[in-house]
């Protein structure tokens, strides 16, 4: 009986071994399949990411080409950017893009990126963005003296009473924005991305009726100076009044106003006057540039602006009309704008490479972009919200930016 039982147990090891082998085989096949599928998924995911990056690159290229078109004044819609199968540098990815639309209806960019069998599509609506979206914007230091109130209004609708006026700097170093005791900002205060708000904004007892935040990097485009006739002279007034009209639009070497008994006065009248001054603008004691009520002045300055005691750059139009006076810094290096006004200052100043000091015997109306800015007057700063709505393709300092953006789901192309 014992021998019989032993003989029956002897053959049972083989089935168990077979079962074990089959289990191990199944596990191995499963792990191999899992690894293979994971590898395929990783390849497809990487290709999809690369295709998405290629599509974004195509959108960026199209946006760049649109802004290059915008630099040529007057703006000509002409042929819009379009390209097929652009090979991206240092990669195997390609992109295709096309811009459609027009100035009146807006522009749309569609970009396709491919990597291997992966394809991604992105599209974006682009629109114009001007330089005067903030009351005060600097690249470096911004200083407001005690008691200054920064507020906003809308010259298109003076009944609008709740207009915010943001101020800030793109810098992140300590004390980039200094708000002295008694300063009131009816809006936000911002600095550049990544900076320490408590260190970069020096608050010495100011009231901020908004928030403090880190802003995005703001594009400050170069100014495109219009083509004007070279007058081969300067503009000077010594103890006399000189009048300039649109018939005198042109390029001048300098503006020099001096007091000899009577102050030198330059009157701007009769319409839209455009001047390009390749040198300095100098106003002696009590001298003035006066923009008459029937005129506007747009002035491009390659040199410095120096206003002596009692002098001023003034407008006769209502102070709310900030676009009446436009001053643009167009020098190749650093500039200094020492600007005075005998009463309220009304105007916009675009000088991202200039140190701007503004003195006024009243409030300042408009917007300022500067390398550094100090408001030294005893009045307040009032920002015109309407400046945000007046952007056109022929403005000096506008750029196309992405307004809305969307992407399509991943797509796999058919194999050859």
Protein backbone atom coordinates (compact mmCIF):
# COMPACT_ATOMS: atom_id res chain seq x y z
CA UNK A 1 0.00 0.00 0.00
CA UNK A 2 2.83 2.41 0.84
CA UNK A 3 4.53 1.75 -2.50
CA UNK A 4 1.31 2.38 -4.34
CA UNK A 5 0.83 5.74 -2.69
CA UNK A 6 4.40 6.76 -3.49
CA UNK A 7 3.93 5.93 -7.14
CA UNK A 8 0.85 8.13 -7.36
CA UNK A 9 2.65 11.13 -5.79
CA UNK A 10 5.68 10.87 -8.07
CA UNK A 11 3.94 12.18 -11.23
CA UNK A 12 2.15 15.18 -9.60
CA UNK A 13 5.22 17.50 -9.82
CA UNK A 14 5.06 17.76 -13.60
CA UNK A 15 1.61 19.40 -13.81
CA UNK A 16 2.56 21.79 -11.05
CA UNK A 17 5.71 22.76 -12.92
CA UNK A 18 3.73 23.29 -16.11
CA UNK A 19 1.22 25.48 -14.27
CA UNK A 20 4.04 27.49 -12.72
CA UNK A 21 5.71 27.95 -16.11
CA UNK A 22 2.44 29.06 -17.66
CA UNK A 23 1.86 31.56 -14.85
CA UNK A 24 5.38 32.94 -15.22
CA UNK A 25 4.98 33.06 -18.98
CA UNK A 26 1.71 34.95 -18.65
CA UNK A 27 3.28 37.36 -16.20
CA UNK A 28 6.25 37.87 -18.52
CA UNK A 29 4.01 38.49 -21.52
CA UNK A 30 1.93 40.89 -19.43
CA UNK A 31 4.99 42.81 -18.22
CA UNK A 32 6.40 42.87 -21.76
CA UNK A 33 3.08 44.15 -23.09
CA UNK A 34 2.90 46.74 -20.32
CA UNK A 35 6.43 47.90 -21.05
CA UNK A 36 5.80 48.00 -24.77
CA UNK A 37 2.56 49.94 -24.38
CA UNK A 38 4.20 52.30 -21.89
CA UNK A 39 6.99 52.89 -24.38
CA UNK A 40 4.51 53.56 -27.18
CA UNK A 41 2.55 55.90 -24.90
CA UNK A 42 5.73 57.74 -23.91
CA UNK A 43 6.75 58.14 -27.58
CA UNK A 44 3.30 59.41 -28.51
CA UNK A 45 3.21 61.78 -25.52
CA UNK A 46 6.65 63.15 -26.37
CA UNK A 47 5.65 63.57 -30.01
CA UNK A 48 2.45 65.33 -28.96
CA UNK A 49 4.37 67.71 -26.71
CA UNK A 50 6.85 68.41 -29.51
CA UNK A 51 4.00 68.99 -31.97
CA UNK A 52 2.37 71.39 -29.52
CA UNK A 53 5.64 73.29 -29.10
CA UNK A 54 5.98 73.45 -32.89
CA UNK A 55 2.46 74.86 -33.20
CA UNK A 56 3.24 77.49 -30.54
CA UNK A 57 6.43 78.35 -32.42
CA UNK A 58 4.45 78.89 -35.60
CA UNK A 59 2.05 81.19 -33.76
CA UNK A 60 5.00 83.14 -32.32
CA UNK A 61 6.59 83.51 -35.77
CA UNK A 62 3.32 84.74 -37.27
CA UNK A 63 2.85 87.25 -34.43
CA UNK A 64 6.42 88.51 -34.91
CA UNK A 65 5.87 88.99 -38.64
CA UNK A 66 2.65 90.90 -37.99
CA UNK A 67 4.49 93.25 -35.63
CA UNK A 68 7.22 93.73 -38.23
CA UNK A 69 4.51 94.78 -40.71
CA UNK A 70 3.18 97.17 -38.08
CA UNK A 71 6.51 99.04 -37.92
CA UNK A 72 6.09 100.29 -41.49
CA UNK A 73 4.00 103.47 -41.50
CA UNK A 74 1.51 104.00 -42.92
CA UNK A 75 0.37 100.47 -42.23
CA UNK A 76 -0.35 98.40 -45.34
CA UNK A 77 -2.39 95.22 -44.90
CA UNK A 78 -1.09 93.76 -48.15
CA UNK A 79 -0.10 90.11 -47.98
CA UNK A 80 -0.53 88.57 -44.55
CA UNK A 81 2.05 86.14 -43.12
CA UNK A 82 1.69 82.54 -44.27
CA UNK A 83 4.11 79.59 -44.50
CA UNK A 84 4.00 75.83 -44.96
CA UNK A 85 6.21 73.15 -43.37
CA UNK A 86 8.75 75.46 -41.75
CA UNK A 87 11.61 73.38 -40.36
CA UNK A 88 12.32 74.49 -36.82
CA UNK A 89 16.02 74.86 -35.92
CA UNK A 90 17.77 72.13 -33.92
CA UNK A 91 14.76 69.79 -34.12
CA UNK A 92 12.83 67.47 -36.42
CA UNK A 93 9.54 69.34 -35.96
CA UNK A 94 7.84 71.49 -38.58
CA UNK A 95 5.12 74.11 -38.38
CA UNK A 96 2.73 75.79 -40.77
CA UNK A 97 0.87 79.04 -40.05
CA UNK A 98 -1.55 81.41 -41.68
CA UNK A 99 -2.91 84.82 -40.71
CA UNK A 100 -6.39 85.79 -41.86
CA UNK A 101 -8.66 88.78 -41.31
CA UNK A 102 -8.34 92.54 -41.62
CA UNK A 103 -7.98 95.69 -39.55
CA UNK A 104 -11.71 96.30 -39.33
CA UNK A 105 -12.73 92.80 -38.31
CA UNK A 106 -9.59 91.67 -36.50
CA UNK A 107 -6.92 89.08 -37.22
CA UNK A 108 -6.73 85.36 -36.51
CA UNK A 109 -3.65 83.12 -36.56
CA UNK A 110 -3.90 79.38 -37.14
CA UNK A 111 -0.76 77.32 -36.62
CA UNK A 112 -0.16 73.58 -37.12
CA UNK A 113 2.77 71.74 -35.57
CA UNK A 114 3.83 68.20 -36.45
CA UNK A 115 6.30 65.78 -34.91
CA UNK A 116 6.41 62.27 -36.29
CA UNK A 117 2.79 61.18 -36.54
CA UNK A 118 1.57 63.70 -33.95
CA UNK A 119 -0.20 66.88 -35.00
CA UNK A 120 -1.37 69.85 -32.94
CA UNK A 121 -3.34 72.92 -34.00
CA UNK A 122 -3.52 76.21 -32.12
CA UNK A 123 -5.34 79.37 -33.06
CA UNK A 124 -5.33 82.85 -31.63
CA UNK A 125 -7.14 86.13 -32.06
CA UNK A 126 -4.72 89.06 -31.98
CA UNK A 127 -5.41 92.73 -31.37
CA UNK A 128 -3.63 96.00 -30.77
CA UNK A 129 -2.16 96.98 -27.44
CA UNK A 130 -0.95 100.51 -26.82
CA UNK A 131 1.67 101.88 -24.47
CA UNK A 132 -0.70 103.94 -22.34
CA UNK A 133 -2.67 101.25 -20.50
CA UNK A 134 -1.31 102.48 -17.14
CA UNK A 135 -1.22 105.90 -15.56
CA UNK A 136 2.52 105.66 -14.90
CA UNK A 137 4.86 102.88 -16.07
CA UNK A 138 8.62 102.86 -15.58
CA UNK A 139 11.44 100.50 -16.34
CA UNK A 140 13.26 101.66 -13.21
CA UNK A 141 12.39 104.03 -10.36
CA UNK A 142 9.01 105.65 -9.76
CA UNK A 143 8.71 108.33 -7.07
CA UNK A 144 5.62 110.20 -5.87
CA UNK A 145 5.93 113.03 -3.37
CA UNK A 146 3.82 113.34 -0.23
CA UNK A 147 0.15 114.11 -0.71
CA UNK A 148 -0.07 113.12 -4.38
CA UNK A 149 -3.34 111.52 -5.49
CA UNK A 150 -3.34 109.22 -8.52
CA UNK A 151 -6.81 108.90 -9.99
CA UNK A 152 -8.52 108.22 -13.30
CA UNK A 153 -11.14 109.68 -15.60
CA UNK A 154 -12.53 109.02 -19.06
CA UNK A 155 -12.33 111.89 -21.53
CA UNK A 156 -14.86 110.05 -23.72
CA UNK A 157 -17.35 110.02 -20.85
CA UNK A 158 -16.61 112.53 -18.11
CA UNK A 159 -19.62 111.29 -16.15
CA UNK A 160 -17.77 108.03 -15.44
CA UNK A 161 -16.55 108.44 -11.90
CA UNK A 162 -15.04 105.09 -10.94
CA UNK A 163 -11.93 104.88 -13.15
CA UNK A 164 -8.93 103.03 -11.74
CA UNK A 165 -5.40 104.25 -12.41
CA UNK A 166 -2.63 101.68 -12.04
CA UNK A 167 1.00 102.63 -11.59
CA UNK A 168 4.13 100.54 -11.45
CA UNK A 169 7.61 99.57 -12.49
CA UNK A 170 9.01 96.66 -14.46
CA UNK A 171 11.93 96.59 -12.05
CA UNK A 172 12.14 94.24 -9.06
CA UNK A 173 15.02 95.84 -7.14
CA UNK A 174 14.48 97.34 -3.71
CA UNK A 175 12.60 100.67 -3.62
CA UNK A 176 11.66 100.56 -7.28
CA UNK A 177 8.38 102.29 -6.40
CA UNK A 178 8.48 104.88 -3.60
CA UNK A 179 5.15 106.17 -2.30
CA UNK A 180 5.68 108.88 0.28
CA UNK A 181 3.39 109.68 3.20
CA UNK A 182 -0.09 110.76 2.18
CA UNK A 183 0.07 109.39 -1.37
CA UNK A 184 -3.25 107.92 -2.53
CA UNK A 185 -3.46 105.54 -5.48
CA UNK A 186 -6.98 104.79 -6.67
CA UNK A 187 -5.87 101.64 -8.43
CA UNK A 188 -3.17 98.97 -8.32
CA UNK A 189 0.56 99.22 -7.76
CA UNK A 190 2.73 96.62 -9.49
CA UNK A 191 6.35 95.61 -10.07
CA UNK A 192 8.05 93.19 -12.45
CA UNK A 193 7.58 89.41 -12.37
CA UNK A 194 9.18 87.51 -9.52
CA UNK A 195 10.05 90.48 -7.32
CA UNK A 196 9.47 90.86 -3.57
CA UNK A 197 6.51 93.23 -3.26
CA UNK A 198 7.39 94.35 0.26
CA UNK A 199 10.93 95.27 -0.75
CA UNK A 200 10.38 96.67 -4.25
CA UNK A 201 7.43 98.87 -3.19
CA UNK A 202 8.48 101.31 -0.47
CA UNK A 203 5.25 102.38 1.18
CA UNK A 204 5.84 105.27 3.59
CA UNK A 205 2.23 105.70 4.63
CA UNK A 206 0.40 105.64 1.31
CA UNK A 207 -3.18 104.55 0.70
CA UNK A 208 -3.59 102.03 -2.12
CA UNK A 209 -7.24 101.53 -3.05
CA UNK A 210 -6.41 98.47 -5.09
CA UNK A 211 -3.80 95.77 -4.76
CA UNK A 212 -0.09 95.12 -5.06
CA UNK A 213 1.00 92.49 -7.54
CA UNK A 214 3.76 91.18 -9.79
CA UNK A 215 2.93 92.13 -13.35
CA UNK A 216 3.92 90.45 -16.58
CA UNK A 217 6.76 91.74 -18.71
CA UNK A 218 5.34 94.59 -20.79
CA UNK A 219 6.58 95.06 -24.34
CA UNK A 220 7.73 98.65 -24.90
CA UNK A 221 8.14 99.00 -28.68
CA UNK A 222 10.49 101.41 -30.36
CA UNK A 223 8.91 104.54 -31.75
CA UNK A 224 8.52 104.75 -35.50
CA UNK A 225 9.25 108.35 -36.49
CA UNK A 226 7.21 109.40 -39.52
CA UNK A 227 8.96 110.62 -42.65
CA UNK A 228 8.97 114.40 -42.53
CA UNK A 229 10.68 117.03 -44.70
CA UNK A 230 14.06 118.19 -43.41
CA UNK A 231 13.74 121.92 -42.78
CA UNK A 232 17.55 122.36 -42.41
CA UNK A 233 17.11 124.82 -39.56
CA UNK A 234 16.09 125.13 -35.94
CA UNK A 235 13.11 126.75 -34.23
CA UNK A 236 14.11 129.71 -32.11
CA UNK A 237 12.30 132.53 -30.38
CA UNK A 238 14.29 135.16 -28.50
CA UNK A 239 12.12 137.71 -26.76
CA UNK A 240 9.40 137.16 -29.38
CA UNK A 241 6.48 134.94 -30.30
CA UNK A 242 6.89 132.47 -33.16
CA UNK A 243 3.94 130.57 -34.63
CA UNK A 244 4.06 127.04 -36.08
CA UNK A 245 1.23 125.48 -38.12
CA UNK A 246 0.83 122.15 -39.96
CA UNK A 247 2.50 123.80 -42.97
CA UNK A 248 5.70 123.82 -40.90
CA UNK A 249 5.68 120.10 -40.05
CA UNK A 250 9.19 118.74 -40.45
CA UNK A 251 12.59 117.86 -39.02
CA UNK A 252 14.41 120.57 -37.03
CA UNK A 253 17.82 120.57 -35.37
CA UNK A 254 16.57 122.03 -32.05
CA UNK A 255 14.03 124.24 -30.32
CA UNK A 256 15.61 127.16 -28.47
CA UNK A 257 13.45 129.69 -26.61
CA UNK A 258 15.15 132.52 -24.72
CA UNK A 259 14.10 135.52 -22.69
CA UNK A 260 15.58 138.83 -23.83
CA UNK A 261 13.41 141.36 -22.09
CA UNK A 262 10.31 139.42 -23.11
CA UNK A 263 10.07 135.62 -22.95
CA UNK A 264 10.38 133.56 -26.11
CA UNK A 265 7.11 131.85 -26.96
CA UNK A 266 6.41 129.13 -29.52
CA UNK A 267 2.73 128.90 -30.45
CA UNK A 268 1.29 125.76 -32.07
CA UNK A 269 -1.90 126.55 -33.98
CA UNK A 270 -4.10 125.72 -36.94
CA UNK A 271 -4.37 121.92 -36.72
CA UNK A 272 -2.19 118.86 -36.16
CA UNK A 273 1.48 119.79 -35.92
CA UNK A 274 4.17 117.09 -36.10
CA UNK A 275 7.82 117.92 -35.35
CA UNK A 276 10.97 115.82 -35.19
CA UNK A 277 13.71 117.55 -33.17
CA UNK A 278 17.10 115.89 -33.65
CA UNK A 279 18.73 117.90 -30.83
CA UNK A 280 17.58 119.45 -27.56
CA UNK A 281 14.51 121.42 -26.60
CA UNK A 282 15.54 124.29 -24.34
CA UNK A 283 13.13 126.72 -22.69
CA UNK A 284 14.70 129.69 -20.92
CA UNK A 285 13.23 131.52 -17.92
CA UNK A 286 9.49 132.17 -18.37
CA UNK A 287 9.55 130.88 -21.96
CA UNK A 288 6.71 128.71 -23.25
CA UNK A 289 5.53 126.25 -25.85
CA UNK A 290 1.78 126.84 -26.11
CA UNK A 291 -0.53 124.45 -27.94
CA UNK A 292 -3.51 126.59 -28.93
CA UNK A 293 -7.06 125.33 -28.56
CA UNK A 294 -7.40 124.70 -32.30
CA UNK A 295 -4.26 122.53 -32.50
CA UNK A 296 -2.47 119.39 -31.38
CA UNK A 297 1.28 118.78 -31.09
CA UNK A 298 3.09 115.52 -31.65
CA UNK A 299 6.81 115.88 -31.10
CA UNK A 300 9.68 113.39 -31.47
CA UNK A 301 12.81 114.33 -29.52
CA UNK A 302 16.27 112.80 -30.06
CA UNK A 303 17.93 114.99 -27.42
CA UNK A 304 16.97 116.32 -24.00
CA UNK A 305 14.21 118.62 -22.79
CA UNK A 306 15.35 121.37 -20.42
CA UNK A 307 12.81 123.78 -18.91
CA UNK A 308 14.18 126.66 -16.83
CA UNK A 309 12.44 128.45 -13.95
CA UNK A 310 8.98 129.71 -14.80
CA UNK A 311 8.92 128.11 -18.23
CA UNK A 312 6.43 125.53 -19.42
CA UNK A 313 4.91 123.35 -22.11
CA UNK A 314 1.22 124.18 -21.94
CA UNK A 315 -2.05 123.49 -23.73
CA UNK A 316 -5.07 125.75 -24.03
CA UNK A 317 -7.49 122.85 -24.66
CA UNK A 318 -9.44 121.50 -21.68
CA UNK A 319 -7.07 119.57 -19.43
CA UNK A 320 -9.02 116.34 -19.92
CA UNK A 321 -7.91 116.10 -23.58
CA UNK A 322 -4.66 114.24 -22.90
CA UNK A 323 -3.96 113.37 -26.55
CA UNK A 324 -3.60 117.09 -27.39
CA UNK A 325 0.12 116.90 -26.59
CA UNK A 326 2.24 113.81 -27.32
CA UNK A 327 5.96 113.69 -26.57
CA UNK A 328 8.09 110.76 -27.76
CA UNK A 329 11.73 110.08 -26.88
CA UNK A 330 13.53 108.84 -29.98
CA UNK A 331 17.20 109.18 -29.07
CA UNK A 332 19.56 106.21 -29.35
CA UNK A 333 20.86 106.51 -25.79
CA UNK A 334 19.67 107.76 -22.42
CA UNK A 335 17.75 111.04 -22.37
CA UNK A 336 16.64 113.53 -19.73
CA UNK A 337 13.23 115.18 -19.88
CA UNK A 338 12.84 118.03 -17.38
CA UNK A 339 9.29 119.13 -18.21
CA UNK A 340 7.40 122.01 -16.63
CA UNK A 341 3.92 123.46 -17.05
CA UNK A 342 2.72 126.87 -15.84
CA UNK A 343 -0.66 125.45 -14.87
CA UNK A 344 -1.98 121.93 -15.43
CA UNK A 345 0.11 119.60 -17.56
CA UNK A 346 -1.92 117.85 -20.23
CA UNK A 347 -0.31 115.23 -22.43
CA UNK A 348 1.24 111.80 -22.86
CA UNK A 349 4.95 111.09 -22.60
CA UNK A 350 6.51 107.95 -24.08
CA UNK A 351 10.16 107.84 -23.09
CA UNK A 352 11.19 104.33 -21.95
CA UNK A 353 14.89 105.27 -22.09
CA UNK A 354 14.58 108.70 -20.48
CA UNK A 355 14.61 110.05 -16.96
CA UNK A 356 11.45 112.16 -16.72
CA UNK A 357 10.83 114.82 -14.07
CA UNK A 358 7.47 116.56 -14.28
CA UNK A 359 6.72 119.88 -12.58
CA UNK A 360 3.34 121.55 -12.85
CA UNK A 361 1.55 124.33 -10.99
CA UNK A 362 -1.57 122.18 -11.10
CA UNK A 363 -2.63 118.64 -11.80
CA UNK A 364 -1.13 116.41 -14.49
CA UNK A 365 -3.53 114.79 -16.98
CA UNK A 366 -2.53 111.93 -19.26
CA UNK A 367 -0.08 109.03 -19.04
CA UNK A 368 3.69 108.58 -18.72
CA UNK A 369 6.04 105.77 -19.77
CA UNK A 370 9.65 106.39 -18.72
CA UNK A 371 12.87 104.78 -17.58
CA UNK A 372 12.47 106.65 -14.29
CA UNK A 373 9.78 109.13 -13.28
CA UNK A 374 9.28 111.66 -10.52
CA UNK A 375 6.22 113.87 -10.14
CA UNK A 376 7.52 116.99 -8.42
CA UNK A 377 4.47 119.22 -8.70
CA UNK A 378 2.07 120.02 -5.91
CA UNK A 379 -0.87 118.64 -7.86
CA UNK A 380 -2.29 115.21 -8.55
CA UNK A 381 -1.89 112.78 -11.45
CA UNK A 382 -5.05 111.97 -13.42
CA UNK A 383 -5.03 109.14 -15.94
CA UNK A 384 -7.22 109.24 -19.06
CA UNK A 385 -8.83 105.83 -19.56
CA UNK A 386 -9.80 106.81 -23.14
CA UNK A 387 -6.14 106.40 -24.14
CA UNK A 388 -6.71 102.62 -24.08
CA UNK A 389 -9.39 102.85 -26.76
CA UNK A 390 -7.66 105.10 -29.25
CA UNK A 391 -5.14 102.57 -30.57
CA UNK A 392 -4.86 102.32 -34.36
CA UNK A 393 -2.42 100.52 -36.67
CA UNK A 394 -0.76 103.84 -37.53
CA UNK A 395 0.00 104.79 -33.93
CA UNK A 396 3.66 105.05 -32.97
CA UNK A 397 3.71 102.66 -30.03
CA UNK A 398 1.27 99.82 -30.60
CA UNK A 399 1.92 96.10 -30.94
CA UNK A 400 -0.17 93.09 -31.81
CA UNK A 401 -0.75 90.82 -28.81
CA UNK A 402 -2.72 87.62 -28.30
CA UNK A 403 -6.21 88.39 -27.03
CA UNK A 404 -7.73 84.90 -27.12
CA UNK A 405 -6.09 81.52 -27.62
CA UNK A 406 -7.28 77.94 -28.06
CA UNK A 407 -5.87 74.55 -29.03
CA UNK A 408 -7.35 71.49 -30.65
CA UNK A 409 -7.17 67.93 -29.22
CA UNK A 410 -4.15 65.77 -30.13
CA UNK A 411 -4.28 64.10 -33.54
CA UNK A 412 -2.34 61.20 -35.02
CA UNK A 413 -1.54 61.33 -38.72
CA UNK A 414 -2.03 58.25 -40.87
CA UNK A 415 1.08 56.14 -41.48
CA UNK A 416 2.56 56.11 -44.98
